């Protein structure tokens, strides 16, 4: 992982001044989807406890059992329900699908991640797609994050799509994988 880079520049958010974290209701920072995805990948590219440059600051992974309380702030629609169900199983989300969708593999040694946000189509201002090109063990694959903006202004992940390395790489959708028996 030496030399691995996250190529995106997004500002972080500071926690509210003077609040006791022990008494606060858990919340996820209200960030642009690009900042959310940058924060998720920052955890893969930097040792524990070391902040990722440009990361959003404190966005938990929706696969972390400790994030169960804030899932409705991270996810929406059928994906929210599918992740909740998988979290209730012994295997959890990653055990249910058999790989980590963020790195498009079971193991990882990331050489870098490049993120870009696609502008929404005309009339779809409440939608945003973030594309991650992930170099894992020297092969580049693509992971696409589809976000919807709620009436509260918060962006939530609606679906994740992936395609393995090369032209013949397998394609998948996270919601479909979680719905399989």
C-alpha atoms as a PDB file:
ATOM      1  CA  UNK A   1       0.000   0.000   0.000  1.00  0.00           C
ATOM      2  CA  UNK A   2       2.974   2.312   0.106  1.00  0.00           C
ATOM      3  CA  UNK A   3       2.383   5.156  -2.276  1.00  0.00           C
ATOM      4  CA  UNK A   4      -1.365   4.440  -2.635  1.00  0.00           C
ATOM      5  CA  UNK A   5      -3.308   7.600  -3.318  1.00  0.00           C
ATOM      6  CA  UNK A   6      -6.856   8.810  -3.140  1.00  0.00           C
ATOM      7  CA  UNK A   7      -7.251  11.317  -5.927  1.00  0.00           C
ATOM      8  CA  UNK A   8      -9.972  13.740  -4.901  1.00  0.00           C
ATOM      9  CA  UNK A   9      -9.986  17.022  -3.033  1.00  0.00           C
ATOM     10  CA  UNK A  10     -13.020  17.738  -0.895  1.00  0.00           C
ATOM     11  CA  UNK A  11     -13.289  19.835   2.265  1.00  0.00           C
ATOM     12  CA  UNK A  12     -13.977  18.132   5.599  1.00  0.00           C
ATOM     13  CA  UNK A  13     -16.441  19.214   8.247  1.00  0.00           C
ATOM     14  CA  UNK A  14     -15.599  20.193  11.778  1.00  0.00           C
ATOM     15  CA  UNK A  15     -17.620  18.696  14.649  1.00  0.00           C
ATOM     16  CA  UNK A  16     -19.929  21.115  16.485  1.00  0.00           C
ATOM     17  CA  UNK A  17     -17.970  23.095  19.085  1.00  0.00           C
ATOM     18  CA  UNK A  18     -18.684  22.465  22.741  1.00  0.00           C
ATOM     19  CA  UNK A  19     -20.785  19.308  22.337  1.00  0.00           C
ATOM     20  CA  UNK A  20     -20.099  16.202  24.380  1.00  0.00           C
ATOM     21  CA  UNK A  21     -19.795  13.307  21.886  1.00  0.00           C
ATOM     22  CA  UNK A  22     -21.103  10.866  24.517  1.00  0.00           C
ATOM     23  CA  UNK A  23     -24.479  12.652  24.703  1.00  0.00           C
ATOM     24  CA  UNK A  24     -24.927  13.396  21.009  1.00  0.00           C
ATOM     25  CA  UNK A  25     -27.380  11.432  18.869  1.00  0.00           C
ATOM     26  CA  UNK A  26     -25.339   9.666  16.171  1.00  0.00           C
ATOM     27  CA  UNK A  27     -25.433  11.479  12.853  1.00  0.00           C
ATOM     28  CA  UNK A  28     -23.601  11.261   9.592  1.00  0.00           C
ATOM     29  CA  UNK A  29     -22.095  14.490   8.243  1.00  0.00           C
ATOM     30  CA  UNK A  30     -24.185  16.090   5.513  1.00  0.00           C
ATOM     31  CA  UNK A  31     -21.745  15.920   2.642  1.00  0.00           C
ATOM     32  CA  UNK A  32     -21.717  15.783  -1.128  1.00  0.00           C
ATOM     33  CA  UNK A  33     -21.617  12.190  -2.444  1.00  0.00           C
ATOM     34  CA  UNK A  34     -18.045  12.674  -3.671  1.00  0.00           C
ATOM     35  CA  UNK A  35     -16.941  13.535  -0.118  1.00  0.00           C
ATOM     36  CA  UNK A  36     -18.838  10.539   1.302  1.00  0.00           C
ATOM     37  CA  UNK A  37     -17.169   8.088  -1.075  1.00  0.00           C
ATOM     38  CA  UNK A  38     -13.764   9.739  -0.518  1.00  0.00           C
ATOM     39  CA  UNK A  39     -14.202   9.212   3.216  1.00  0.00           C
ATOM     40  CA  UNK A  40     -15.066   5.529   2.735  1.00  0.00           C
ATOM     41  CA  UNK A  41     -11.980   4.918   0.579  1.00  0.00           C
ATOM     42  CA  UNK A  42      -9.770   6.939   2.912  1.00  0.00           C
ATOM     43  CA  UNK A  43     -10.084   4.137   5.454  1.00  0.00           C
ATOM     44  CA  UNK A  44      -8.588   1.662   2.984  1.00  0.00           C
ATOM     45  CA  UNK A  45      -5.679   3.883   2.017  1.00  0.00           C
ATOM     46  CA  UNK A  46      -4.563   5.168   5.416  1.00  0.00           C
ATOM     47  CA  UNK A  47      -3.614   3.345   8.629  1.00  0.00           C
ATOM     48  CA  UNK A  48      -6.183   3.326  11.432  1.00  0.00           C
ATOM     49  CA  UNK A  49      -6.248   6.581  13.331  1.00  0.00           C
ATOM     50  CA  UNK A  50      -4.529   8.545  10.565  1.00  0.00           C
ATOM     51  CA  UNK A  51      -6.887  10.947   8.772  1.00  0.00           C
ATOM     52  CA  UNK A  52      -7.152  10.700   5.002  1.00  0.00           C
ATOM     53  CA  UNK A  53      -6.336  13.924   3.197  1.00  0.00           C
ATOM     54  CA  UNK A  54      -9.469  15.265   1.551  1.00  0.00           C
ATOM     55  CA  UNK A  55     -11.785  12.806   3.264  1.00  0.00           C
ATOM     56  CA  UNK A  56     -15.215  13.904   4.396  1.00  0.00           C
ATOM     57  CA  UNK A  57     -14.629  13.204   8.056  1.00  0.00           C
ATOM     58  CA  UNK A  58     -16.490  10.575   9.991  1.00  0.00           C
ATOM     59  CA  UNK A  59     -18.772   8.854   7.483  1.00  0.00           C
ATOM     60  CA  UNK A  60     -19.120   5.258   8.715  1.00  0.00           C
ATOM     61  CA  UNK A  61     -19.115   2.365   6.296  1.00  0.00           C
ATOM     62  CA  UNK A  62     -22.623   0.993   5.782  1.00  0.00           C
ATOM     63  CA  UNK A  63     -21.082  -2.480   6.271  1.00  0.00           C
ATOM     64  CA  UNK A  64     -19.858  -1.723   9.798  1.00  0.00           C
ATOM     65  CA  UNK A  65     -22.233  -3.245  12.388  1.00  0.00           C
ATOM     66  CA  UNK A  66     -21.647  -0.165  14.548  1.00  0.00           C
ATOM     67  CA  UNK A  67     -23.275   1.926  11.788  1.00  0.00           C
ATOM     68  CA  UNK A  68     -26.643   0.201  12.248  1.00  0.00           C
ATOM     69  CA  UNK A  69     -28.024   3.218  14.165  1.00  0.00           C
ATOM     70  CA  UNK A  70     -27.305   5.582  11.267  1.00  0.00           C
ATOM     71  CA  UNK A  71     -28.104   3.365   8.270  1.00  0.00           C
ATOM     72  CA  UNK A  72     -31.149   5.479   7.404  1.00  0.00           C
ATOM     73  CA  UNK A  73     -28.770   8.458   7.083  1.00  0.00           C
ATOM     74  CA  UNK A  74     -26.454   6.532   4.725  1.00  0.00           C
ATOM     75  CA  UNK A  75     -28.744   4.448   2.530  1.00  0.00           C
ATOM     76  CA  UNK A  76     -32.175   4.641   0.929  1.00  0.00           C
ATOM     77  CA  UNK A  77     -34.769   2.469  -0.755  1.00  0.00           C
ATOM     78  CA  UNK A  78     -34.366  -1.261  -1.311  1.00  0.00           C
ATOM     79  CA  UNK A  79     -30.619  -1.091  -0.594  1.00  0.00           C
ATOM     80  CA  UNK A  80     -31.340   0.169   2.936  1.00  0.00           C
ATOM     81  CA  UNK A  81     -33.639  -2.775   3.635  1.00  0.00           C
ATOM     82  CA  UNK A  82     -31.268  -5.321   2.064  1.00  0.00           C
ATOM     83  CA  UNK A  83     -28.300  -4.100   4.149  1.00  0.00           C
ATOM     84  CA  UNK A  84     -30.421  -4.108   7.338  1.00  0.00           C
ATOM     85  CA  UNK A  85     -31.436  -7.713   6.662  1.00  0.00           C
ATOM     86  CA  UNK A  86     -27.858  -8.809   5.931  1.00  0.00           C
ATOM     87  CA  UNK A  87     -26.611  -7.090   9.104  1.00  0.00           C
ATOM     88  CA  UNK A  88     -29.061  -9.218  11.048  1.00  0.00           C
ATOM     89  CA  UNK A  89     -27.413 -12.433   9.863  1.00  0.00           C
ATOM     90  CA  UNK A  90     -24.380 -14.115  11.401  1.00  0.00           C
ATOM     91  CA  UNK A  91     -22.388 -13.540   8.196  1.00  0.00           C
ATOM     92  CA  UNK A  92     -23.121  -9.814   8.045  1.00  0.00           C
ATOM     93  CA  UNK A  93     -23.106  -7.856   4.789  1.00  0.00           C
ATOM     94  CA  UNK A  94     -19.652  -8.780   3.500  1.00  0.00           C
ATOM     95  CA  UNK A  95     -20.041 -12.446   4.463  1.00  0.00           C
ATOM     96  CA  UNK A  96     -23.410 -12.584   2.702  1.00  0.00           C
ATOM     97  CA  UNK A  97     -22.014 -11.408  -0.640  1.00  0.00           C
ATOM     98  CA  UNK A  98     -18.552 -12.976  -0.270  1.00  0.00           C
ATOM     99  CA  UNK A  99     -16.440  -9.933  -1.140  1.00  0.00           C
ATOM    100  CA  UNK A 100     -15.931  -6.259  -0.328  1.00  0.00           C
ATOM    101  CA  UNK A 101     -17.698  -4.218  -3.009  1.00  0.00           C
ATOM    102  CA  UNK A 102     -15.646  -1.076  -2.302  1.00  0.00           C
ATOM    103  CA  UNK A 103     -12.468  -2.855  -3.486  1.00  0.00           C
ATOM    104  CA  UNK A 104     -14.287  -5.293  -5.799  1.00  0.00           C
ATOM    105  CA  UNK A 105     -12.527  -8.257  -4.191  1.00  0.00           C
ATOM    106  CA  UNK A 106     -12.048 -10.403  -1.107  1.00  0.00           C
ATOM    107  CA  UNK A 107      -8.617  -8.993  -0.315  1.00  0.00           C
ATOM    108  CA  UNK A 108      -7.006  -5.707  -1.138  1.00  0.00           C
ATOM    109  CA  UNK A 109      -3.700  -4.032  -1.743  1.00  0.00           C
ATOM    110  CA  UNK A 110      -4.765  -0.744  -3.235  1.00  0.00           C
ATOM    111  CA  UNK A 111      -2.422   1.122  -5.519  1.00  0.00           C
ATOM    112  CA  UNK A 112      -4.826   4.046  -5.696  1.00  0.00           C
ATOM    113  CA  UNK A 113      -8.390   5.196  -6.134  1.00  0.00           C
ATOM    114  CA  UNK A 114      -9.584   7.869  -8.542  1.00  0.00           C
ATOM    115  CA  UNK A 115     -13.014   9.376  -7.892  1.00  0.00           C
ATOM    116  CA  UNK A 116     -15.171  11.527 -10.107  1.00  0.00           C
ATOM    117  CA  UNK A 117     -18.758  12.696  -9.901  1.00  0.00           C
ATOM    118  CA  UNK A 118     -20.898  12.664 -13.018  1.00  0.00           C
ATOM    119  CA  UNK A 119     -23.177  15.665 -13.384  1.00  0.00           C
ATOM    120  CA  UNK A 120     -26.858  14.744 -13.130  1.00  0.00           C
ATOM    121  CA  UNK A 121     -28.930  14.514 -16.286  1.00  0.00           C
ATOM    122  CA  UNK A 122     -31.310  17.386 -17.020  1.00  0.00           C
ATOM    123  CA  UNK A 123     -34.216  17.342 -14.570  1.00  0.00           C
ATOM    124  CA  UNK A 124     -32.451  14.934 -12.163  1.00  0.00           C
ATOM    125  CA  UNK A 125     -30.815  17.383  -9.753  1.00  0.00           C
ATOM    126  CA  UNK A 126     -31.544  15.082  -6.794  1.00  0.00           C
ATOM    127  CA  UNK A 127     -29.377  12.304  -8.239  1.00  0.00           C
ATOM    128  CA  UNK A 128     -25.607  11.962  -8.246  1.00  0.00           C
ATOM    129  CA  UNK A 129     -23.314   9.222  -9.506  1.00  0.00           C
ATOM    130  CA  UNK A 130     -19.779   8.825  -8.195  1.00  0.00           C
ATOM    131  CA  UNK A 131     -17.410   6.582 -10.132  1.00  0.00           C
ATOM    132  CA  UNK A 132     -14.416   5.029  -8.423  1.00  0.00           C
ATOM    133  CA  UNK A 133     -11.609   3.522 -10.447  1.00  0.00           C
ATOM    134  CA  UNK A 134      -9.926   1.217  -7.964  1.00  0.00           C
ATOM    135  CA  UNK A 135      -6.458  -0.224  -8.521  1.00  0.00           C
ATOM    136  CA  UNK A 136      -6.380  -3.435  -6.490  1.00  0.00           C
ATOM    137  CA  UNK A 137      -3.371  -5.777  -6.793  1.00  0.00           C
ATOM    138  CA  UNK A 138      -2.394  -3.884  -9.960  1.00  0.00           C
ATOM    139  CA  UNK A 139      -5.720  -4.386 -11.792  1.00  0.00           C
ATOM    140  CA  UNK A 140      -8.176  -1.510 -12.214  1.00  0.00           C
ATOM    141  CA  UNK A 141     -11.885  -2.083 -11.742  1.00  0.00           C
ATOM    142  CA  UNK A 142     -14.819   0.306 -11.597  1.00  0.00           C
ATOM    143  CA  UNK A 143     -17.272   0.765  -8.730  1.00  0.00           C
ATOM    144  CA  UNK A 144     -20.221   3.127  -9.266  1.00  0.00           C
ATOM    145  CA  UNK A 145     -22.183   4.691  -6.410  1.00  0.00           C
ATOM    146  CA  UNK A 146     -25.694   6.033  -7.138  1.00  0.00           C
ATOM    147  CA  UNK A 147     -26.962   8.596  -4.624  1.00  0.00           C
ATOM    148  CA  UNK A 148     -30.365  10.214  -4.154  1.00  0.00           C
ATOM    149  CA  UNK A 149     -30.924  13.457  -2.289  1.00  0.00           C
ATOM    150  CA  UNK A 150     -33.753  13.352   0.250  1.00  0.00           C
ATOM    151  CA  UNK A 151     -36.185  16.128   1.036  1.00  0.00           C
ATOM    152  CA  UNK A 152     -33.990  16.880   4.072  1.00  0.00           C
ATOM    153  CA  UNK A 153     -31.089  17.684   1.720  1.00  0.00           C
ATOM    154  CA  UNK A 154     -29.039  14.667   2.837  1.00  0.00           C
ATOM    155  CA  UNK A 155     -27.497  12.439   0.154  1.00  0.00           C
ATOM    156  CA  UNK A 156     -28.076   8.699   0.604  1.00  0.00           C
ATOM    157  CA  UNK A 157     -26.641   5.761  -1.272  1.00  0.00           C
ATOM    158  CA  UNK A 158     -29.312   4.052  -3.402  1.00  0.00           C
ATOM    159  CA  UNK A 159     -27.225   1.415  -5.225  1.00  0.00           C
ATOM    160  CA  UNK A 160     -23.677   0.285  -5.904  1.00  0.00           C
ATOM    161  CA  UNK A 161     -22.638  -1.293  -9.208  1.00  0.00           C
ATOM    162  CA  UNK A 162     -19.340  -2.886 -10.037  1.00  0.00           C
ATOM    163  CA  UNK A 163     -17.407  -4.289 -12.938  1.00  0.00           C
ATOM    164  CA  UNK A 164     -14.325  -6.415 -12.581  1.00  0.00           C
ATOM    165  CA  UNK A 165     -11.030  -5.620 -14.288  1.00  0.00           C
ATOM    166  CA  UNK A 166     -10.752  -5.867 -18.066  1.00  0.00           C
ATOM    167  CA  UNK A 167     -13.380  -6.109 -20.761  1.00  0.00           C
ATOM    168  CA  UNK A 168     -14.542  -9.519 -19.534  1.00  0.00           C
ATOM    169  CA  UNK A 169     -14.890  -8.550 -15.852  1.00  0.00           C
ATOM    170  CA  UNK A 170     -18.063  -9.633 -14.100  1.00  0.00           C
ATOM    171  CA  UNK A 171     -20.739  -7.003 -13.437  1.00  0.00           C
ATOM    172  CA  UNK A 172     -22.798  -6.875 -10.251  1.00  0.00           C
ATOM    173  CA  UNK A 173     -25.300  -4.758  -8.289  1.00  0.00           C
ATOM    174  CA  UNK A 174     -25.081  -4.747  -4.512  1.00  0.00           C
ATOM    175  CA  UNK A 175     -28.851  -4.765  -3.959  1.00  0.00           C
ATOM    176  CA  UNK A 176     -29.267  -7.828  -6.177  1.00  0.00           C
ATOM    177  CA  UNK A 177     -26.420  -9.677  -4.461  1.00  0.00           C
ATOM    178  CA  UNK A 178     -27.964  -9.048  -1.052  1.00  0.00           C
ATOM    179  CA  UNK A 179     -31.391 -10.226  -2.234  1.00  0.00           C
ATOM    180  CA  UNK A 180     -30.080 -13.608  -3.368  1.00  0.00           C
ATOM    181  CA  UNK A 181     -30.911 -16.503  -1.023  1.00  0.00           C
END
